């Protein structure tokens, strides 16, 4: 209804026939091919949030743990967001085109980088910081 209102009846019929033709030539489609502009934005937001969770977890300095172990501890959360709401919907509708995933992966990287490097949360951890690097040996 909204597409017909925005694009017109002729355009909606033309695109519907095109999608039906594509699916019939392939032997059927499990999802409607093509990612709408709204779908792109709705999948980039969880990708960026997943990156922010990863970036934040890499900043944490728990005693006796490395940034990688913190990221792995929160991996079920950020990986679920990235895969289920960011990558897989786009992959299913893009018919396996890897370039369709680029905006989501860039959003993930930007979210991780921004939260890892943001000065509001304090200085980023330095290599060797948090372990016994600065302590005198006994």
Protein backbone atom coordinates (compact mmCIF):
# COMPACT_ATOMS: atom_id res chain seq x y z
CA UNK A 1 0.00 0.00 0.00
CA UNK A 2 2.76 2.46 0.92
CA UNK A 3 4.85 1.53 -2.10
CA UNK A 4 1.87 2.00 -4.42
CA UNK A 5 1.16 5.37 -2.84
CA UNK A 6 4.80 6.51 -3.11
CA UNK A 7 5.78 5.02 -6.48
CA UNK A 8 2.49 4.60 -8.31
CA UNK A 9 0.53 1.64 -9.60
CA UNK A 10 2.53 1.18 -12.80
CA UNK A 11 5.88 0.99 -10.96
CA UNK A 12 4.54 -1.41 -8.33
CA UNK A 13 3.12 -3.76 -10.98
CA UNK A 14 6.36 -3.57 -12.99
CA UNK A 15 8.55 -4.43 -9.99
CA UNK A 16 6.20 -7.21 -8.86
CA UNK A 17 6.40 -8.83 -12.28
CA UNK A 18 10.18 -8.46 -12.27
CA UNK A 19 10.47 -10.16 -8.87
CA UNK A 20 8.11 -12.96 -9.91
CA UNK A 21 10.10 -13.48 -13.11
CA UNK A 22 13.37 -13.66 -11.14
CA UNK A 23 11.97 -16.16 -8.64
CA UNK A 24 10.36 -18.35 -11.28
CA UNK A 25 13.59 -18.51 -13.30
CA UNK A 26 15.47 -19.63 -10.17
CA UNK A 27 12.90 -22.28 -9.31
CA UNK A 28 11.49 -20.36 -6.36
CA UNK A 29 12.54 -17.88 -3.69
CA UNK A 30 12.39 -18.31 0.07
CA UNK A 31 12.46 -14.52 0.59
CA UNK A 32 11.62 -11.59 -1.66
CA UNK A 33 14.85 -10.57 -3.41
CA UNK A 34 16.19 -7.07 -3.02
CA UNK A 35 16.88 -5.00 0.05
CA UNK A 36 14.75 -1.88 0.48
CA UNK A 37 16.29 1.36 1.72
CA UNK A 38 14.44 1.02 5.02
CA UNK A 39 15.77 -2.51 5.35
CA UNK A 40 19.30 -1.27 4.84
CA UNK A 41 19.01 1.24 7.68
CA UNK A 42 17.23 -1.24 9.92
CA UNK A 43 20.08 -3.71 9.55
CA UNK A 44 22.88 -1.16 9.89
CA UNK A 45 21.71 0.03 13.31
CA UNK A 46 22.13 -3.39 15.02
CA UNK A 47 25.44 -3.82 13.20
CA UNK A 48 26.74 -0.53 14.59
CA UNK A 49 25.42 -1.35 18.07
CA UNK A 50 27.12 -4.77 17.94
CA UNK A 51 30.36 -3.01 17.02
CA UNK A 52 29.89 -0.61 19.93
CA UNK A 53 29.49 -3.54 22.32
CA UNK A 54 32.66 -5.10 20.93
CA UNK A 55 34.57 -1.81 21.19
CA UNK A 56 33.42 -1.27 24.76
CA UNK A 57 34.36 -4.80 25.78
CA UNK A 58 37.84 -4.35 24.32
CA UNK A 59 38.35 -1.28 26.56
CA UNK A 60 37.56 -3.03 29.84
CA UNK A 61 40.50 -3.68 32.12
CA UNK A 62 39.51 -6.47 34.45
CA UNK A 63 42.35 -7.77 36.63
CA UNK A 64 43.86 -10.91 35.19
CA UNK A 65 42.01 -10.77 31.88
CA UNK A 66 42.95 -9.59 28.44
CA UNK A 67 40.83 -7.40 26.16
CA UNK A 68 40.36 -10.39 23.89
CA UNK A 69 38.89 -12.48 26.71
CA UNK A 70 36.47 -9.65 27.50
CA UNK A 71 35.41 -9.48 23.85
CA UNK A 72 34.95 -13.24 23.75
CA UNK A 73 32.90 -13.16 26.95
CA UNK A 74 30.45 -10.75 25.30
CA UNK A 75 30.66 -12.47 21.90
CA UNK A 76 27.25 -14.16 22.24
CA UNK A 77 25.65 -10.73 22.53
CA UNK A 78 27.48 -8.76 19.84
CA UNK A 79 27.80 -11.69 17.43
CA UNK A 80 24.08 -12.46 17.75
CA UNK A 81 23.21 -8.83 16.98
CA UNK A 82 25.61 -8.66 14.06
CA UNK A 83 24.61 -11.94 12.47
CA UNK A 84 20.89 -12.19 13.21
CA UNK A 85 19.86 -8.59 12.71
CA UNK A 86 22.69 -7.18 10.61
CA UNK A 87 24.22 -9.66 8.18
CA UNK A 88 21.79 -12.54 7.63
CA UNK A 89 18.73 -10.49 6.53
CA UNK A 90 20.84 -8.66 3.96
CA UNK A 91 22.58 -11.85 2.81
CA UNK A 92 19.28 -13.68 2.30
CA UNK A 93 17.74 -10.87 0.26
CA UNK A 94 20.83 -9.90 -1.72
CA UNK A 95 21.03 -13.33 -3.35
CA UNK A 96 24.56 -13.95 -2.08
CA UNK A 97 26.11 -10.67 -3.23
CA UNK A 98 29.04 -9.99 -0.87
CA UNK A 99 29.08 -6.26 -1.72
CA UNK A 100 25.62 -5.90 -0.16
CA UNK A 101 27.19 -6.70 3.22
CA UNK A 102 29.76 -3.89 3.00
CA UNK A 103 27.61 -1.16 4.63
CA UNK A 104 26.74 -3.41 7.56
CA UNK A 105 30.32 -4.53 8.10
CA UNK A 106 31.53 -0.94 7.86
CA UNK A 107 28.91 0.10 10.43
CA UNK A 108 30.13 -2.70 12.71
CA UNK A 109 33.76 -1.60 12.33
CA UNK A 110 32.85 2.06 12.85
CA UNK A 111 30.88 1.27 16.01
CA UNK A 112 33.72 -0.82 17.40
CA UNK A 113 36.39 1.73 16.50
CA UNK A 114 34.48 4.72 17.83
CA UNK A 115 33.71 3.16 21.17
CA UNK A 116 37.20 1.72 21.52
CA UNK A 117 38.88 5.05 20.77
CA UNK A 118 36.43 7.50 22.33
CA UNK A 119 38.11 9.71 24.98
CA UNK A 120 34.97 9.97 27.15
CA UNK A 121 35.55 6.46 28.44
CA UNK A 122 39.16 7.21 29.37
CA UNK A 123 42.39 6.59 27.55
CA UNK A 124 42.52 3.42 25.47
CA UNK A 125 44.50 0.63 27.12
CA UNK A 126 48.17 0.56 26.26
CA UNK A 127 49.99 -2.65 25.35
CA UNK A 128 51.22 -4.26 28.54
CA UNK A 129 48.93 -2.17 30.72
CA UNK A 130 47.03 -4.15 33.31
CA UNK A 131 49.59 -6.91 33.65
CA UNK A 132 52.86 -7.01 35.61
CA UNK A 133 54.79 -4.88 33.09
CA UNK A 134 55.41 -1.91 35.37
CA UNK A 135 55.96 -3.71 38.64
CA UNK A 136 59.47 -4.35 39.97
CA UNK A 137 60.45 -7.99 40.17
CA UNK A 138 61.12 -9.47 43.58
